[in-house]
Amino acid sequence: MQRKTIGSDGPERLEAIPLFAGRSLGERRMLARLIDELVVAPGEELMHEGSFGYEVVFIEEGEAEVRHEETVIATVGAGEMVGELAVLGAEGTRRASVVASTELRAIVLTSHFMHHVRKQMPALAQEIDRAAAERQRA
């Protein structure tokens, strides 16, 4: 797994993710300064069930399996978010593991980033909360 700061193409990459698509270029530039890029090989684990969760991952390319107690409960791909329940929930622990099934490229947002977004962009924070609530109901 490789992790690095996102390049100068960050605002454009954010625009390709549905949650950020409606944001202005200025907002996406600000957000791009706070995010990292993650490249994961097939079979590598992005998140481990039961561990503390401090990051939300938005998949740009590739697919991953969401596993609860080794049973695949979902497959996620481009444009989808994983890890938000641990970051936004009271418990803070991962409810499932996420394992790359193909080579995967993603954008990583830390809990620190989420606190910044809540203060600077409350409408975006509400959208992330809404998406997390929908996933929790599902």
C-alpha atoms as a PDB file:
ATOM      1  CA  MET A   1       0.000   0.000   0.000  1.00  0.00           C
ATOM      2  CA  GLN A   2       1.342   3.409  -0.955  1.00  0.00           C
ATOM      3  CA  ARG A   3       0.213   6.645   0.634  1.00  0.00           C
ATOM      4  CA  LYS A   4       1.243  10.113  -0.461  1.00  0.00           C
ATOM      5  CA  THR A   5      -0.047  13.645  -0.657  1.00  0.00           C
ATOM      6  CA  ILE A   6      -2.278  14.253  -3.604  1.00  0.00           C
ATOM      7  CA  GLY A   7      -0.824  16.053  -6.606  1.00  0.00           C
ATOM      8  CA  SER A   8      -1.806  19.299  -8.264  1.00  0.00           C
ATOM      9  CA  ASP A   9      -4.659  17.456  -9.992  1.00  0.00           C
ATOM     10  CA  GLY A  10      -6.430  17.065  -6.630  1.00  0.00           C
ATOM     11  CA  PRO A  11      -9.292  19.505  -7.317  1.00  0.00           C
ATOM     12  CA  GLU A  12     -10.108  17.759 -10.611  1.00  0.00           C
ATOM     13  CA  ARG A  13      -9.949  14.332  -8.976  1.00  0.00           C
ATOM     14  CA  LEU A  14     -12.315  15.491  -6.243  1.00  0.00           C
ATOM     15  CA  GLU A  15     -14.777  16.678  -8.876  1.00  0.00           C
ATOM     16  CA  ALA A  16     -15.066  13.076 -10.137  1.00  0.00           C
ATOM     17  CA  ILE A  17     -16.367  11.922  -6.742  1.00  0.00           C
ATOM     18  CA  PRO A  18     -20.132  12.522  -6.463  1.00  0.00           C
ATOM     19  CA  LEU A  19     -19.974  13.973  -2.946  1.00  0.00           C
ATOM     20  CA  PHE A  20     -17.523  16.686  -4.060  1.00  0.00           C
ATOM     21  CA  ALA A  21     -18.760  17.217  -7.629  1.00  0.00           C
ATOM     22  CA  GLY A  22     -20.942  20.210  -6.791  1.00  0.00           C
ATOM     23  CA  ARG A  23     -18.256  22.086  -4.882  1.00  0.00           C
ATOM     24  CA  SER A  24     -16.645  25.196  -6.316  1.00  0.00           C
ATOM     25  CA  LEU A  25     -13.086  25.053  -7.633  1.00  0.00           C
ATOM     26  CA  GLY A  26     -11.961  27.123  -4.624  1.00  0.00           C
ATOM     27  CA  GLU A  27     -13.555  24.675  -2.185  1.00  0.00           C
ATOM     28  CA  ARG A  28     -12.019  21.701  -3.988  1.00  0.00           C
ATOM     29  CA  ARG A  29      -8.601  23.391  -3.915  1.00  0.00           C
ATOM     30  CA  MET A  30      -8.918  23.895  -0.169  1.00  0.00           C
ATOM     31  CA  LEU A  31      -9.996  20.286   0.303  1.00  0.00           C
ATOM     32  CA  ALA A  32      -7.151  18.994  -1.894  1.00  0.00           C
ATOM     33  CA  ARG A  33      -4.620  20.470   0.522  1.00  0.00           C
ATOM     34  CA  LEU A  34      -6.032  18.267   3.283  1.00  0.00           C
ATOM     35  CA  ILE A  35      -6.239  14.870   1.583  1.00  0.00           C
ATOM     36  CA  ASP A  36      -3.913  12.021   0.692  1.00  0.00           C
ATOM     37  CA  GLU A  37      -3.839   9.521  -2.142  1.00  0.00           C
ATOM     38  CA  LEU A  38      -3.809   5.802  -1.478  1.00  0.00           C
ATOM     39  CA  VAL A  39      -2.776   3.091  -3.975  1.00  0.00           C
ATOM     40  CA  VAL A  40      -3.556  -0.463  -2.902  1.00  0.00           C
ATOM     41  CA  ALA A  41      -2.675  -3.787  -4.550  1.00  0.00           C
ATOM     42  CA  PRO A  42      -5.218  -6.609  -4.883  1.00  0.00           C
ATOM     43  CA  GLY A  43      -5.537  -8.555  -1.636  1.00  0.00           C
ATOM     44  CA  GLU A  44      -4.286  -5.726   0.569  1.00  0.00           C
ATOM     45  CA  GLU A  45      -6.438  -4.610   3.468  1.00  0.00           C
ATOM     46  CA  LEU A  46      -7.510  -0.961   3.626  1.00  0.00           C
ATOM     47  CA  MET A  47      -9.287  -1.331   6.968  1.00  0.00           C
ATOM     48  CA  HIS A  48      -9.464  -4.042   9.609  1.00  0.00           C
ATOM     49  CA  GLU A  49     -12.645  -4.950  11.474  1.00  0.00           C
ATOM     50  CA  GLY A  50     -12.429  -4.002  15.152  1.00  0.00           C
ATOM     51  CA  SER A  51      -9.559  -1.546  14.739  1.00  0.00           C
ATOM     52  CA  PHE A  52      -9.875   2.129  15.533  1.00  0.00           C
ATOM     53  CA  GLY A  53     -11.056   4.140  12.527  1.00  0.00           C
ATOM     54  CA  TYR A  54      -9.665   7.581  11.875  1.00  0.00           C
ATOM     55  CA  GLU A  55      -9.988   7.797   8.085  1.00  0.00           C
ATOM     56  CA  VAL A  56     -12.710   7.874   5.459  1.00  0.00           C
ATOM     57  CA  VAL A  57     -11.752   6.504   2.029  1.00  0.00           C
ATOM     58  CA  PHE A  58     -13.315   7.524  -1.289  1.00  0.00           C
ATOM     59  CA  ILE A  59     -12.556   5.021  -4.028  1.00  0.00           C
ATOM     60  CA  GLU A  60     -11.509   6.569  -7.329  1.00  0.00           C
ATOM     61  CA  GLU A  61     -10.611   3.452  -9.321  1.00  0.00           C
ATOM     62  CA  GLY A  62     -10.902  -0.261  -8.645  1.00  0.00           C
ATOM     63  CA  GLU A  63     -13.016  -2.389  -6.349  1.00  0.00           C
ATOM     64  CA  ALA A  64     -12.891  -3.704  -2.808  1.00  0.00           C
ATOM     65  CA  GLU A  65     -14.793  -6.222  -0.737  1.00  0.00           C
ATOM     66  CA  VAL A  66     -16.362  -5.257   2.569  1.00  0.00           C
ATOM     67  CA  ARG A  67     -16.075  -8.223   4.934  1.00  0.00           C
ATOM     68  CA  HIS A  68     -17.738  -8.817   8.282  1.00  0.00           C
ATOM     69  CA  GLU A  69     -16.265 -11.796  10.134  1.00  0.00           C
ATOM     70  CA  GLU A  70     -14.684 -12.962   6.836  1.00  0.00           C
ATOM     71  CA  THR A  71     -18.040 -12.972   5.001  1.00  0.00           C
ATOM     72  CA  VAL A  72     -18.276 -10.621   2.023  1.00  0.00           C
ATOM     73  CA  ILE A  73     -21.216  -8.320   2.708  1.00  0.00           C
ATOM     74  CA  ALA A  74     -20.678  -5.782  -0.087  1.00  0.00           C
ATOM     75  CA  THR A  75     -18.501  -4.810  -3.013  1.00  0.00           C
ATOM     76  CA  VAL A  76     -17.609  -1.143  -3.409  1.00  0.00           C
ATOM     77  CA  GLY A  77     -16.114   0.724  -6.345  1.00  0.00           C
ATOM     78  CA  ALA A  78     -15.421   4.093  -7.920  1.00  0.00           C
ATOM     79  CA  GLY A  79     -17.201   7.012  -6.279  1.00  0.00           C
ATOM     80  CA  GLU A  80     -18.096   5.097  -3.133  1.00  0.00           C
ATOM     81  CA  MET A  81     -17.079   5.898   0.435  1.00  0.00           C
ATOM     82  CA  VAL A  82     -15.912   3.428   3.110  1.00  0.00           C
ATOM     83  CA  GLY A  83     -14.874   3.888   6.707  1.00  0.00           C
ATOM     84  CA  GLU A  84     -17.195   6.734   7.507  1.00  0.00           C
ATOM     85  CA  LEU A  85     -19.169   4.889  10.181  1.00  0.00           C
ATOM     86  CA  ALA A  86     -16.137   4.512  12.455  1.00  0.00           C
ATOM     87  CA  VAL A  87     -15.030   8.112  11.949  1.00  0.00           C
ATOM     88  CA  LEU A  88     -18.452   9.663  12.409  1.00  0.00           C
ATOM     89  CA  GLY A  89     -19.892   7.214  14.941  1.00  0.00           C
ATOM     90  CA  ALA A  90     -19.547   7.274  18.696  1.00  0.00           C
ATOM     91  CA  GLU A  91     -17.708   3.941  18.923  1.00  0.00           C
ATOM     92  CA  GLY A  92     -14.831   4.799  16.598  1.00  0.00           C
ATOM     93  CA  THR A  93     -14.112   1.188  15.668  1.00  0.00           C
ATOM     94  CA  ARG A  94     -14.352  -0.459  12.264  1.00  0.00           C
ATOM     95  CA  ARG A  95     -17.441  -2.618  11.828  1.00  0.00           C
ATOM     96  CA  ALA A  96     -15.963  -4.472   8.855  1.00  0.00           C
ATOM     97  CA  SER A  97     -12.715  -5.081   7.021  1.00  0.00           C
ATOM     98  CA  VAL A  98     -12.183  -3.684   3.522  1.00  0.00           C
ATOM     99  CA  VAL A  99      -9.897  -5.610   1.162  1.00  0.00           C
ATOM    100  CA  ALA A 100      -8.920  -4.532  -2.358  1.00  0.00           C
ATOM    101  CA  SER A 101     -10.135  -7.039  -4.952  1.00  0.00           C
ATOM    102  CA  THR A 102      -8.407  -5.143  -7.795  1.00  0.00           C
ATOM    103  CA  GLU A 103      -5.705  -2.524  -7.881  1.00  0.00           C
ATOM    104  CA  LEU A 104      -7.337   0.419  -6.181  1.00  0.00           C
ATOM    105  CA  ARG A 105      -6.721   4.152  -6.078  1.00  0.00           C
ATOM    106  CA  ALA A 106      -8.475   6.239  -3.464  1.00  0.00           C
ATOM    107  CA  ILE A 107      -8.598   9.560  -1.671  1.00  0.00           C
ATOM    108  CA  VAL A 108      -8.173   9.462   2.109  1.00  0.00           C
ATOM    109  CA  LEU A 109      -9.757  11.936   4.495  1.00  0.00           C
ATOM    110  CA  THR A 110      -8.652  11.841   8.137  1.00  0.00           C
ATOM    111  CA  SER A 111     -10.824  12.586  11.149  1.00  0.00           C
ATOM    112  CA  HIS A 112      -8.807  15.820  11.481  1.00  0.00           C
ATOM    113  CA  PHE A 113      -9.973  16.690   7.967  1.00  0.00           C
ATOM    114  CA  MET A 114     -13.564  15.975   8.986  1.00  0.00           C
ATOM    115  CA  HIS A 115     -13.299  18.380  11.941  1.00  0.00           C
ATOM    116  CA  HIS A 116     -11.960  21.047   9.577  1.00  0.00           C
ATOM    117  CA  VAL A 117     -14.809  20.439   7.118  1.00  0.00           C
ATOM    118  CA  ARG A 118     -17.394  20.736   9.916  1.00  0.00           C
ATOM    119  CA  LYS A 119     -16.087  24.201  10.747  1.00  0.00           C
ATOM    120  CA  GLN A 120     -15.354  25.522   7.251  1.00  0.00           C
ATOM    121  CA  MET A 121     -17.940  23.725   5.084  1.00  0.00           C
ATOM    122  CA  PRO A 122     -20.909  22.665   7.227  1.00  0.00           C
ATOM    123  CA  ALA A 123     -23.083  21.841   4.191  1.00  0.00           C
ATOM    124  CA  LEU A 124     -20.516  19.292   2.985  1.00  0.00           C
ATOM    125  CA  ALA A 125     -20.267  17.849   6.504  1.00  0.00           C
ATOM    126  CA  GLN A 126     -24.042  17.390   6.517  1.00  0.00           C
ATOM    127  CA  GLU A 127     -23.871  15.556   3.160  1.00  0.00           C
ATOM    128  CA  ILE A 128     -21.188  13.208   4.511  1.00  0.00           C
ATOM    129  CA  ASP A 129     -23.277  12.614   7.651  1.00  0.00           C
ATOM    130  CA  ARG A 130     -26.349  11.924   5.506  1.00  0.00           C
ATOM    131  CA  ALA A 131     -24.435   9.415   3.358  1.00  0.00           C
ATOM    132  CA  ALA A 132     -23.123   7.691   6.493  1.00  0.00           C
ATOM    133  CA  ALA A 133     -26.641   7.494   7.968  1.00  0.00           C
ATOM    134  CA  GLU A 134     -27.959   5.949   4.747  1.00  0.00           C
ATOM    135  CA  ARG A 135     -25.209   3.331   4.804  1.00  0.00           C
ATOM    136  CA  GLN A 136     -25.887   2.550   8.454  1.00  0.00           C
ATOM    137  CA  ARG A 137     -29.584   1.963   7.701  1.00  0.00           C
ATOM    138  CA  ALA A 138     -28.654  -0.318   4.799  1.00  0.00           C
END
